[in-house]
């Protein structure tokens, strides 16, 4: 059986502190963006998991499959708001391990 390769993405949330979405709202917006662009099959390929959501530094770390990283980056770029709150998400770094990703941060 072949091992699944994963990638970890560090995401910077560009939003005022008082309007910061909850971790659930954040992941729901990414999932809905993936589903709208690539459909349910394309979204299911990502195997997206929230690893860390740091409210103070406005940084989120998500895990995805290697084959869906480009799809995930595309869908993240299309997110401009969550609910009525304007939001921009920037990809800071991508790595194969959390340890290497923490060195970038």
Protein backbone atom coordinates (compact mmCIF):
# COMPACT_ATOMS: atom_id res chain seq x y z
CA UNK A 1 0.00 0.00 0.00
CA UNK A 2 1.34 3.39 -0.96
CA UNK A 3 1.86 6.01 1.74
CA UNK A 4 -0.16 9.21 1.43
CA UNK A 5 2.05 12.29 1.19
CA UNK A 6 0.80 15.31 3.11
CA UNK A 7 1.64 18.98 3.17
CA UNK A 8 1.16 21.53 5.93
CA UNK A 9 0.18 25.09 5.04
CA UNK A 10 0.67 28.08 7.31
CA UNK A 11 -2.00 30.68 6.65
CA UNK A 12 -2.03 34.32 7.78
CA UNK A 13 -5.47 35.83 8.36
CA UNK A 14 -5.68 39.50 7.42
CA UNK A 15 -8.65 40.75 9.47
CA UNK A 16 -9.17 43.08 12.45
CA UNK A 17 -8.84 41.25 15.79
CA UNK A 18 -12.43 41.90 16.84
CA UNK A 19 -13.77 40.37 13.61
CA UNK A 20 -11.65 37.19 13.71
CA UNK A 21 -13.79 34.18 12.76
CA UNK A 22 -13.97 31.10 14.93
CA UNK A 23 -12.03 28.03 13.89
CA UNK A 24 -15.26 26.35 12.80
CA UNK A 25 -16.29 29.30 10.59
CA UNK A 26 -12.79 29.40 9.12
CA UNK A 27 -12.79 25.73 8.11
CA UNK A 28 -16.37 25.90 6.84
CA UNK A 29 -15.42 28.76 4.52
CA UNK A 30 -12.46 26.80 3.11
CA UNK A 31 -14.60 23.69 2.61
CA UNK A 32 -17.36 25.66 0.89
CA UNK A 33 -14.85 27.37 -1.38
CA UNK A 34 -13.30 24.01 -2.33
CA UNK A 35 -16.75 22.55 -3.00
CA UNK A 36 -17.89 25.49 -5.12
CA UNK A 37 -14.81 25.40 -7.34
CA UNK A 38 -14.01 21.67 -7.59
CA UNK A 39 -17.20 19.96 -6.49
CA UNK A 40 -17.54 17.38 -3.75
CA UNK A 41 -15.12 14.94 -5.37
CA UNK A 42 -12.37 17.55 -5.69
CA UNK A 43 -12.92 18.74 -2.13
CA UNK A 44 -12.79 15.20 -0.79
CA UNK A 45 -9.36 14.67 -2.34
CA UNK A 46 -7.89 17.36 -0.09
CA UNK A 47 -8.48 15.50 3.22
CA UNK A 48 -8.30 18.90 4.87
CA UNK A 49 -7.61 19.05 8.63
CA UNK A 50 -7.11 22.07 10.89
CA UNK A 51 -3.95 21.50 12.95
CA UNK A 52 -3.59 24.81 14.78
CA UNK A 53 -5.58 28.04 14.97
CA UNK A 54 -3.70 30.80 16.78
CA UNK A 55 -6.03 33.70 17.55
CA UNK A 56 -3.32 36.01 18.94
CA UNK A 57 -1.01 35.82 15.93
CA UNK A 58 -3.86 35.24 13.42
CA UNK A 59 -2.14 32.16 12.01
CA UNK A 60 -3.76 28.87 11.05
CA UNK A 61 -2.02 25.62 10.12
CA UNK A 62 -3.90 23.15 7.94
CA UNK A 63 -2.94 19.74 6.58
CA UNK A 64 -3.77 18.55 3.08
CA UNK A 65 -2.81 15.81 0.64
CA UNK A 66 0.03 16.62 -1.72
CA UNK A 67 -2.16 16.08 -4.79
CA UNK A 68 -4.65 18.73 -3.64
CA UNK A 69 -2.29 21.50 -2.48
CA UNK A 70 -2.74 23.58 -5.63
CA UNK A 71 -6.51 23.20 -5.45
CA UNK A 72 -6.44 24.28 -1.82
CA UNK A 73 -4.30 27.33 -2.57
CA UNK A 74 -6.68 28.34 -5.36
CA UNK A 75 -9.74 28.02 -3.16
CA UNK A 76 -8.08 29.96 -0.32
CA UNK A 77 -7.32 32.80 -2.72
CA UNK A 78 -11.00 33.13 -3.60
CA UNK A 79 -12.13 33.68 0.00
CA UNK A 80 -12.85 37.38 0.55
CA UNK A 81 -15.26 37.25 3.47
CA UNK A 82 -16.65 34.95 6.12
CA UNK A 83 -20.25 35.78 6.87
CA UNK A 84 -20.41 39.58 6.72
CA UNK A 85 -16.81 40.06 7.84
CA UNK A 86 -14.22 40.96 5.18
CA UNK A 87 -11.18 38.70 5.25
CA UNK A 88 -8.02 37.94 3.30
CA UNK A 89 -6.00 34.75 3.75
CA UNK A 90 -2.35 34.57 2.72
CA UNK A 91 -0.25 31.40 2.43
CA UNK A 92 2.94 32.03 4.43
CA UNK A 93 4.69 28.69 3.98
CA UNK A 94 4.18 25.11 2.83
CA UNK A 95 6.12 22.20 4.26
CA UNK A 96 6.12 18.43 4.47
CA UNK A 97 6.44 18.38 8.27
CA UNK A 98 5.14 20.52 11.11
CA UNK A 99 8.67 20.83 12.50
CA UNK A 100 9.99 22.40 9.30
CA UNK A 101 6.93 24.62 9.06
CA UNK A 102 7.53 25.96 12.56
CA UNK A 103 11.05 26.97 11.51
CA UNK A 104 9.53 29.16 8.76
CA UNK A 105 7.26 30.87 11.24
